[in-house]
């Protein structure tokens, strides 16, 4: 049996298979990243806020004497903290895309937990 010359080295079969599998994993990873970036970009554009020309005007009735204390973003909603004249606090949950009132959370004064 002839031995390979020192200038010509052979890689074992397992090493060739390992290199091919790792190369395929790298290509698959780039494909997954590209698809995820495209998916997020397309979903962000579909959830975009309305343009000023297609704006909305929504009125949410507050109790007499109530004051807006704060407004905060809560995920894809807006939370409006309102304090009534009688001391009761209420949080109004609003959809910022169309101004719809989604619900309220009341916090009566002195309520036990």
C-alpha atoms as a PDB file:
ATOM      1  CA  UNK A   1       0.000   0.000   0.000  1.00  0.00           C
ATOM      2  CA  UNK A   2       1.392   3.351  -1.010  1.00  0.00           C
ATOM      3  CA  UNK A   3       1.543   6.060   1.606  1.00  0.00           C
ATOM      4  CA  UNK A   4       0.442   9.591   0.688  1.00  0.00           C
ATOM      5  CA  UNK A   5       3.239  11.984  -0.011  1.00  0.00           C
ATOM      6  CA  UNK A   6       3.959  14.696   2.528  1.00  0.00           C
ATOM      7  CA  UNK A   7       2.871  17.464   0.086  1.00  0.00           C
ATOM      8  CA  UNK A   8      -0.579  15.940  -0.338  1.00  0.00           C
ATOM      9  CA  UNK A   9      -2.619  15.579   2.887  1.00  0.00           C
ATOM     10  CA  UNK A  10      -6.068  14.047   3.050  1.00  0.00           C
ATOM     11  CA  UNK A  11      -8.739  15.260   5.466  1.00  0.00           C
ATOM     12  CA  UNK A  12     -10.706  12.556   7.228  1.00  0.00           C
ATOM     13  CA  UNK A  13     -14.283  12.035   5.997  1.00  0.00           C
ATOM     14  CA  UNK A  14     -15.815  13.168   9.300  1.00  0.00           C
ATOM     15  CA  UNK A  15     -14.022  16.509   8.998  1.00  0.00           C
ATOM     16  CA  UNK A  16     -15.380  17.087   5.485  1.00  0.00           C
ATOM     17  CA  UNK A  17     -18.905  16.248   6.645  1.00  0.00           C
ATOM     18  CA  UNK A  18     -18.552  18.549   9.648  1.00  0.00           C
ATOM     19  CA  UNK A  19     -17.417  21.476   7.485  1.00  0.00           C
ATOM     20  CA  UNK A  20     -20.299  20.973   5.040  1.00  0.00           C
ATOM     21  CA  UNK A  21     -22.885  20.748   7.860  1.00  0.00           C
ATOM     22  CA  UNK A  22     -21.547  23.898   9.543  1.00  0.00           C
ATOM     23  CA  UNK A  23     -21.633  25.749   6.222  1.00  0.00           C
ATOM     24  CA  UNK A  24     -25.266  24.722   5.716  1.00  0.00           C
ATOM     25  CA  UNK A  25     -26.126  25.867   9.254  1.00  0.00           C
ATOM     26  CA  UNK A  26     -24.578  29.279   8.575  1.00  0.00           C
ATOM     27  CA  UNK A  27     -26.573  29.657   5.347  1.00  0.00           C
ATOM     28  CA  UNK A  28     -29.779  28.554   7.109  1.00  0.00           C
ATOM     29  CA  UNK A  29     -29.104  31.058   9.909  1.00  0.00           C
ATOM     30  CA  UNK A  30     -28.746  33.922   7.446  1.00  0.00           C
ATOM     31  CA  UNK A  31     -32.001  32.894   5.749  1.00  0.00           C
ATOM     32  CA  UNK A  32     -33.851  32.816   9.091  1.00  0.00           C
ATOM     33  CA  UNK A  33     -32.475  36.244  10.047  1.00  0.00           C
ATOM     34  CA  UNK A  34     -33.445  37.711   6.658  1.00  0.00           C
ATOM     35  CA  UNK A  35     -36.981  36.305   6.860  1.00  0.00           C
ATOM     36  CA  UNK A  36     -37.435  37.589  10.434  1.00  0.00           C
ATOM     37  CA  UNK A  37     -36.226  41.088   9.510  1.00  0.00           C
ATOM     38  CA  UNK A  38     -38.604  41.156   6.525  1.00  0.00           C
ATOM     39  CA  UNK A  39     -41.500  39.914   8.694  1.00  0.00           C
ATOM     40  CA  UNK A  40     -40.916  42.541  11.368  1.00  0.00           C
ATOM     41  CA  UNK A  41     -40.584  45.335   8.835  1.00  0.00           C
ATOM     42  CA  UNK A  42     -43.825  44.373   7.103  1.00  0.00           C
ATOM     43  CA  UNK A  43     -45.774  44.031  10.368  1.00  0.00           C
ATOM     44  CA  UNK A  44     -44.459  47.385  11.618  1.00  0.00           C
ATOM     45  CA  UNK A  45     -45.668  49.129   8.477  1.00  0.00           C
ATOM     46  CA  UNK A  46     -49.133  47.574   8.795  1.00  0.00           C
ATOM     47  CA  UNK A  47     -49.401  48.831  12.403  1.00  0.00           C
ATOM     48  CA  UNK A  48     -48.227  52.329  11.562  1.00  0.00           C
ATOM     49  CA  UNK A  49     -50.083  55.268  13.061  1.00  0.00           C
ATOM     50  CA  UNK A  50     -52.620  56.947  10.817  1.00  0.00           C
ATOM     51  CA  UNK A  51     -51.351  59.749   8.644  1.00  0.00           C
ATOM     52  CA  UNK A  52     -52.475  63.277   9.487  1.00  0.00           C
ATOM     53  CA  UNK A  53     -54.755  63.352   6.434  1.00  0.00           C
ATOM     54  CA  UNK A  54     -56.485  60.179   7.670  1.00  0.00           C
ATOM     55  CA  UNK A  55     -56.551  61.278  11.313  1.00  0.00           C
ATOM     56  CA  UNK A  56     -59.352  60.762  13.746  1.00  0.00           C
ATOM     57  CA  UNK A  57     -61.234  62.828  16.259  1.00  0.00           C
ATOM     58  CA  UNK A  58     -62.505  60.860  19.216  1.00  0.00           C
ATOM     59  CA  UNK A  59     -64.081  62.325  22.329  1.00  0.00           C
ATOM     60  CA  UNK A  60     -64.010  60.415  25.592  1.00  0.00           C
ATOM     61  CA  UNK A  61     -66.453  61.753  28.159  1.00  0.00           C
ATOM     62  CA  UNK A  62     -64.893  62.355  31.564  1.00  0.00           C
ATOM     63  CA  UNK A  63     -66.848  62.911  34.786  1.00  0.00           C
ATOM     64  CA  UNK A  64     -67.584  66.516  35.664  1.00  0.00           C
ATOM     65  CA  UNK A  65     -64.590  68.133  37.403  1.00  0.00           C
ATOM     66  CA  UNK A  66     -62.194  65.326  36.414  1.00  0.00           C
ATOM     67  CA  UNK A  67     -58.608  66.100  35.467  1.00  0.00           C
ATOM     68  CA  UNK A  68     -56.117  64.166  33.355  1.00  0.00           C
ATOM     69  CA  UNK A  69     -53.156  63.430  35.657  1.00  0.00           C
ATOM     70  CA  UNK A  70     -50.872  61.610  33.229  1.00  0.00           C
ATOM     71  CA  UNK A  71     -50.676  59.816  29.894  1.00  0.00           C
ATOM     72  CA  UNK A  72     -48.374  56.847  29.328  1.00  0.00           C
ATOM     73  CA  UNK A  73     -47.732  54.345  26.559  1.00  0.00           C
ATOM     74  CA  UNK A  74     -48.496  50.777  27.607  1.00  0.00           C
ATOM     75  CA  UNK A  75     -47.401  48.433  24.827  1.00  0.00           C
ATOM     76  CA  UNK A  76     -49.542  49.245  21.816  1.00  0.00           C
ATOM     77  CA  UNK A  77     -52.078  51.088  23.979  1.00  0.00           C
ATOM     78  CA  UNK A  78     -52.217  54.439  25.772  1.00  0.00           C
ATOM     79  CA  UNK A  79     -53.107  54.636  29.460  1.00  0.00           C
ATOM     80  CA  UNK A  80     -54.694  57.917  30.566  1.00  0.00           C
ATOM     81  CA  UNK A  81     -54.798  58.461  34.345  1.00  0.00           C
ATOM     82  CA  UNK A  82     -57.798  60.591  35.335  1.00  0.00           C
ATOM     83  CA  UNK A  83     -58.607  61.865  38.822  1.00  0.00           C
ATOM     84  CA  UNK A  84     -62.257  62.670  39.526  1.00  0.00           C
ATOM     85  CA  UNK A  85     -63.422  65.527  41.770  1.00  0.00           C
ATOM     86  CA  UNK A  86     -64.447  63.006  44.465  1.00  0.00           C
ATOM     87  CA  UNK A  87     -60.875  61.643  44.672  1.00  0.00           C
ATOM     88  CA  UNK A  88     -61.488  58.480  42.664  1.00  0.00           C
ATOM     89  CA  UNK A  89     -58.788  57.581  40.144  1.00  0.00           C
ATOM     90  CA  UNK A  90     -59.534  55.892  36.844  1.00  0.00           C
ATOM     91  CA  UNK A  91     -57.243  54.679  34.084  1.00  0.00           C
ATOM     92  CA  UNK A  92     -58.671  54.877  30.574  1.00  0.00           C
ATOM     93  CA  UNK A  93     -57.108  52.420  28.102  1.00  0.00           C
ATOM     94  CA  UNK A  94     -57.144  53.905  24.584  1.00  0.00           C
ATOM     95  CA  UNK A  95     -56.118  52.500  21.197  1.00  0.00           C
ATOM     96  CA  UNK A  96     -53.821  55.177  19.716  1.00  0.00           C
ATOM     97  CA  UNK A  97     -54.455  54.015  16.129  1.00  0.00           C
ATOM     98  CA  UNK A  98     -58.107  55.063  16.108  1.00  0.00           C
ATOM     99  CA  UNK A  99     -58.771  56.711  19.486  1.00  0.00           C
ATOM    100  CA  UNK A 100     -61.218  54.030  20.602  1.00  0.00           C
ATOM    101  CA  UNK A 101     -61.774  53.604  24.333  1.00  0.00           C
ATOM    102  CA  UNK A 102     -60.917  49.961  25.062  1.00  0.00           C
ATOM    103  CA  UNK A 103     -61.751  49.948  28.749  1.00  0.00           C
ATOM    104  CA  UNK A 104     -61.353  51.571  32.134  1.00  0.00           C
ATOM    105  CA  UNK A 105     -59.873  50.558  35.478  1.00  0.00           C
ATOM    106  CA  UNK A 106     -61.326  52.252  38.562  1.00  0.00           C
ATOM    107  CA  UNK A 107     -59.401  52.847  41.783  1.00  0.00           C
ATOM    108  CA  UNK A 108     -61.900  54.015  44.417  1.00  0.00           C
ATOM    109  CA  UNK A 109     -60.393  55.844  47.403  1.00  0.00           C
ATOM    110  CA  UNK A 110     -59.916  53.755  50.528  1.00  0.00           C
ATOM    111  CA  UNK A 111     -60.738  50.460  48.826  1.00  0.00           C
ATOM    112  CA  UNK A 112     -59.293  47.409  50.586  1.00  0.00           C
ATOM    113  CA  UNK A 113     -57.165  44.979  48.610  1.00  0.00           C
END
